[in-house]
Amino acid sequence: MVANVMSNRVLPNWAYVPWNLAVVAGLVTIAHGRVSRHQLGWVEWRRGWQWGRVLAGLTVLGLVIGAFLPLTADAFRDGRVSGGWGSLLYHPLVRIPLGTVLLEEVAFRSVVPALVAVRWGVARAAAFSSVLFGLWHVLPALGLARSNATVESAFGRSADGRIVSVVAAVLGTVLVGLWFSWLRYRSRSVVSTMLAHLASNSGAYVLAWSIGRVVAVGGSVAVSGLVAHQ
């Protein structure tokens, strides 16, 4: 909870990656000597890579299809995705993999479930960590209606609409957490979900950025044509 509030409400944007890397180091320190590398999913790297690259490929394919389907295309028009080529390089290659994916996978698919499984068993540990994964996304979900037109049209900007959108986001993320937990234990490696998570977040960012650029260029061309005819 402290890590989440610090990264989403207290620290400046530039501190997001170093802060979350420090949290990862803290989690690893807590786990050291309490659970084994096998329990953490840090052993079968090759198997994790094999699973992960397939999952990543399917994820990217699904995102590309979604970006072109009329029913889901508007979801990729997100106000949080903006900026020039520097943003395209920084977010998918640095901020997302090191600041988001690494922390969330180490926390919710590795350290937390491994520690909880010692007392409660794997199934309860997966459920518990997935619920925490959902709650982890409460603060980011509070601003969805302001930045994503699809979310705004579905839930509105009223207080009740915001509550419903946050609840929907949390429940959806819990389900994703359960799916990722199954993949992590089935593949016996946290690398599999890291790659799937990276493909999902970075892939969605690249698509949203690309769509935003096309829309911006199209708008500029339209404005230029209008000026030329006046």
Protein backbone atom coordinates (compact mmCIF):
# COMPACT_ATOMS: atom_id res chain seq x y z
CA MET A 1 0.00 0.00 0.00
CA VAL A 2 2.82 2.38 0.84
CA ALA A 3 4.62 1.56 -2.41
CA ASN A 4 1.43 2.11 -4.40
CA VAL A 5 0.59 5.47 -2.82
CA MET A 6 4.16 6.68 -3.17
CA SER A 7 4.40 5.86 -6.87
CA ASN A 8 0.91 7.09 -7.80
CA ARG A 9 0.40 10.11 -5.56
CA VAL A 10 3.62 11.30 -3.92
CA LEU A 11 6.72 10.84 -6.06
CA PRO A 12 7.40 12.78 -9.29
CA ASN A 13 7.21 10.92 -12.61
CA TRP A 14 10.98 10.62 -12.95
CA ALA A 15 11.15 8.65 -9.68
CA TYR A 16 8.66 5.98 -10.79
CA VAL A 17 11.24 3.52 -12.12
CA PRO A 18 13.95 3.88 -9.44
CA TRP A 19 11.34 3.75 -6.65
CA ASN A 20 9.73 0.58 -8.00
CA LEU A 21 13.13 -1.03 -8.52
CA ALA A 22 13.86 -0.29 -4.85
CA VAL A 23 10.57 -1.94 -3.89
CA VAL A 24 11.56 -5.01 -5.94
CA ALA A 25 14.87 -5.15 -4.06
CA GLY A 26 12.96 -4.96 -0.77
CA LEU A 27 10.64 -7.81 -1.79
CA VAL A 28 13.56 -9.98 -2.83
CA THR A 29 15.25 -9.27 0.51
CA ILE A 30 12.10 -10.28 2.39
CA ALA A 31 11.84 -13.52 0.42
CA HIS A 32 15.50 -14.44 0.81
CA GLY A 33 15.94 -17.36 3.18
CA ARG A 34 12.19 -17.82 3.66
CA VAL A 35 11.23 -19.47 0.37
CA SER A 36 13.25 -21.28 -2.28
CA ARG A 37 14.02 -20.09 -5.79
CA HIS A 38 11.74 -22.86 -7.07
CA GLN A 39 8.84 -21.55 -4.95
CA LEU A 40 9.49 -18.08 -6.33
CA GLY A 41 9.45 -19.32 -9.92
CA TRP A 42 13.06 -18.34 -10.52
CA VAL A 43 14.46 -21.67 -11.71
CA GLU A 44 13.07 -22.89 -15.02
CA TRP A 45 14.00 -19.86 -17.13
CA ARG A 46 14.02 -21.73 -20.45
CA ARG A 47 10.56 -23.18 -19.90
CA GLY A 48 9.32 -19.75 -18.85
CA TRP A 49 10.78 -18.20 -22.00
CA GLN A 50 9.10 -20.82 -24.18
CA TRP A 51 5.72 -20.21 -22.59
CA GLY A 52 6.22 -16.48 -22.44
CA ARG A 53 7.09 -15.90 -26.08
CA VAL A 54 3.97 -17.78 -27.18
CA LEU A 55 1.81 -15.81 -24.74
CA ALA A 56 3.43 -12.55 -25.82
CA GLY A 57 2.82 -13.32 -29.48
CA LEU A 58 -0.83 -14.17 -28.88
CA THR A 59 -1.23 -11.04 -26.76
CA VAL A 60 0.20 -8.74 -29.43
CA LEU A 61 -1.97 -10.41 -32.07
CA GLY A 62 -5.06 -9.85 -29.93
CA LEU A 63 -4.14 -6.20 -29.38
CA VAL A 64 -3.64 -5.57 -33.10
CA ILE A 65 -6.99 -7.17 -33.90
CA GLY A 66 -8.63 -5.12 -31.15
CA ALA A 67 -7.13 -1.91 -32.49
CA PHE A 68 -8.82 -2.48 -35.86
CA LEU A 69 -12.20 -3.73 -34.67
CA PRO A 70 -14.83 -0.94 -34.57
CA LEU A 71 -16.16 -2.22 -31.24
CA THR A 72 -12.81 -1.92 -29.42
CA ALA A 73 -10.77 0.56 -31.49
CA ASP A 74 -11.76 3.58 -29.38
CA ALA A 75 -10.24 1.95 -26.29
CA PHE A 76 -6.81 2.64 -27.79
CA ARG A 77 -7.45 6.40 -27.91
CA ASP A 78 -6.06 7.19 -24.49
CA GLY A 79 -5.13 10.66 -23.28
CA ARG A 80 -2.33 9.26 -21.13
CA VAL A 81 -0.45 8.16 -24.24
CA SER A 82 1.10 11.24 -25.78
CA GLY A 83 4.42 12.84 -26.63
CA GLY A 84 7.00 12.35 -29.34
CA TRP A 85 9.48 9.61 -30.17
CA GLY A 86 11.11 9.96 -26.77
CA SER A 87 7.88 8.85 -25.11
CA LEU A 88 7.59 5.92 -27.50
CA LEU A 89 11.07 4.76 -26.51
CA TYR A 90 10.90 5.51 -22.77
CA HIS A 91 7.52 4.06 -21.82
CA PRO A 92 7.51 0.67 -23.62
CA LEU A 93 11.25 0.04 -23.16
CA VAL A 94 12.01 1.52 -19.72
CA ARG A 95 9.06 2.66 -17.62
CA ILE A 96 6.75 -0.28 -18.33
CA PRO A 97 9.24 -3.19 -18.15
CA LEU A 98 11.33 -1.88 -15.22
CA GLY A 99 8.78 0.22 -13.35
CA THR A 100 5.57 -1.75 -13.84
CA VAL A 101 6.01 -5.30 -15.10
CA LEU A 102 9.03 -6.26 -13.00
CA LEU A 103 7.51 -5.01 -9.75
CA GLU A 104 4.03 -6.42 -10.30
CA GLU A 105 5.25 -9.83 -11.40
CA VAL A 106 7.83 -10.13 -8.63
CA ALA A 107 5.24 -9.02 -6.08
CA PHE A 108 2.04 -10.75 -7.19
CA ARG A 109 3.26 -13.81 -9.07
CA SER A 110 6.42 -14.55 -7.14
CA VAL A 111 7.17 -13.24 -3.64
CA VAL A 112 3.70 -12.72 -2.15
CA PRO A 113 2.18 -16.03 -3.37
CA ALA A 114 5.33 -17.95 -2.44
CA LEU A 115 5.27 -16.61 1.11
CA VAL A 116 1.51 -17.11 1.51
CA ALA A 117 1.61 -20.61 0.00
CA VAL A 118 3.86 -21.78 2.82
CA ARG A 119 0.90 -21.53 5.20
CA TRP A 120 -2.22 -21.53 3.02
CA GLY A 121 -1.27 -23.58 -0.03
CA VAL A 122 -0.88 -22.60 -3.67
CA ALA A 123 -4.57 -22.12 -4.54
CA ARG A 124 -5.28 -19.73 -1.67
CA ALA A 125 -2.00 -17.94 -2.25
CA ALA A 126 -2.90 -17.37 -5.91
CA ALA A 127 -6.35 -16.06 -4.95
CA PHE A 128 -4.94 -13.80 -2.24
CA SER A 129 -2.23 -12.32 -4.46
CA SER A 130 -4.73 -11.81 -7.28
CA VAL A 131 -7.04 -9.82 -5.00
CA LEU A 132 -4.07 -7.69 -3.95
CA PHE A 133 -3.20 -7.27 -7.63
CA GLY A 134 -6.70 -5.95 -8.24
CA LEU A 135 -6.55 -3.53 -5.29
CA TRP A 136 -3.13 -2.36 -6.52
CA HIS A 137 -4.94 -0.82 -9.50
CA VAL A 138 -7.46 1.29 -7.54
CA LEU A 139 -5.43 4.52 -7.72
CA PRO A 140 -4.57 4.22 -11.43
CA ALA A 141 -8.23 3.42 -12.20
CA LEU A 142 -9.48 6.63 -10.59
CA GLY A 143 -8.35 8.68 -13.58
CA LEU A 144 -9.47 6.34 -16.36
CA ALA A 145 -12.66 8.25 -17.18
CA ARG A 146 -10.71 11.47 -17.70
CA SER A 147 -8.16 9.94 -20.04
CA ASN A 148 -10.02 7.25 -21.97
CA ALA A 149 -13.08 8.13 -24.04
CA THR A 150 -14.36 4.54 -24.02
CA VAL A 151 -14.36 4.39 -20.22
CA GLU A 152 -15.96 7.83 -20.01
CA SER A 153 -18.76 6.89 -22.41
CA ALA A 154 -19.39 3.64 -20.53
CA PHE A 155 -19.38 4.99 -16.98
CA GLY A 156 -19.48 8.80 -17.22
CA ARG A 157 -17.60 11.25 -15.00
CA SER A 158 -20.03 11.38 -12.10
CA ALA A 159 -19.02 10.16 -8.66
CA ASP A 160 -21.15 7.03 -9.06
CA GLY A 161 -19.70 6.41 -12.51
CA ARG A 162 -16.17 6.68 -11.17
CA ILE A 163 -16.92 4.21 -8.40
CA VAL A 164 -18.40 1.72 -10.84
CA SER A 165 -15.46 2.12 -13.24
CA VAL A 166 -12.96 1.54 -10.44
CA VAL A 167 -14.83 -1.54 -9.20
CA ALA A 168 -14.97 -2.88 -12.77
CA ALA A 169 -11.24 -2.24 -13.22
CA VAL A 170 -10.38 -3.97 -9.95
CA LEU A 171 -12.55 -7.02 -10.69
CA GLY A 172 -11.12 -7.26 -14.18
CA THR A 173 -7.58 -7.06 -12.83
CA VAL A 174 -8.33 -9.74 -10.23
CA LEU A 175 -9.41 -12.06 -13.05
CA VAL A 176 -6.23 -11.23 -14.98
CA GLY A 177 -4.27 -11.95 -11.80
CA LEU A 178 -5.89 -15.37 -11.46
CA TRP A 179 -5.13 -16.14 -15.12
CA PHE A 180 -1.52 -15.02 -14.75
CA SER A 181 -1.17 -17.01 -11.53
CA TRP A 182 -2.33 -20.15 -13.32
CA LEU A 183 0.15 -19.49 -16.13
CA ARG A 184 2.97 -18.87 -13.67
CA TYR A 185 2.40 -22.18 -11.85
CA ARG A 186 1.65 -24.13 -15.02
CA SER A 187 4.86 -22.89 -16.68
CA ARG A 188 6.78 -23.14 -13.38
CA SER A 189 8.43 -19.80 -14.11
CA VAL A 190 7.56 -16.17 -13.51
CA VAL A 191 9.31 -15.33 -16.78
CA SER A 192 6.23 -16.51 -18.68
CA THR A 193 3.93 -13.94 -17.09
CA MET A 194 6.57 -11.23 -17.26
CA LEU A 195 6.72 -11.60 -21.03
CA ALA A 196 2.93 -11.77 -21.36
CA HIS A 197 2.52 -8.73 -19.11
CA LEU A 198 5.17 -6.80 -21.02
CA ALA A 199 3.55 -7.60 -24.36
CA SER A 200 0.18 -6.48 -23.02
CA ASN A 201 1.26 -3.15 -21.53
CA SER A 202 4.00 -2.13 -23.95
CA GLY A 203 2.07 -3.44 -26.94
CA ALA A 204 -1.02 -1.47 -25.95
CA TYR A 205 1.09 1.66 -25.45
CA VAL A 206 2.75 1.38 -28.87
CA LEU A 207 -0.60 0.85 -30.58
CA ALA A 208 -2.25 3.73 -28.70
CA TRP A 209 0.71 6.01 -29.49
CA SER A 210 0.64 5.03 -33.15
CA ILE A 211 -3.11 5.57 -33.43
CA GLY A 212 -2.75 8.93 -31.70
CA ARG A 213 -0.06 9.98 -34.16
CA VAL A 214 -2.19 8.94 -37.15
CA VAL A 215 -5.17 10.87 -35.79
CA ALA A 216 -2.98 13.92 -35.06
CA VAL A 217 -1.42 13.85 -38.54
CA GLY A 218 -4.81 13.37 -40.12
CA GLY A 219 -6.16 16.32 -38.18
CA SER A 220 -3.22 18.49 -39.19
CA VAL A 221 -3.72 17.58 -42.85
CA ALA A 222 -7.41 18.38 -42.61
CA VAL A 223 -6.71 21.75 -40.98
CA SER A 224 -4.05 22.56 -43.60
CA GLY A 225 -6.49 21.74 -46.38
CA LEU A 226 -9.16 23.93 -44.81
CA VAL A 227 -6.76 26.87 -44.50
CA ALA A 228 -5.63 26.41 -48.11
CA HIS A 229 -9.19 26.73 -49.35
CA GLN A 230 -9.97 29.89 -47.39
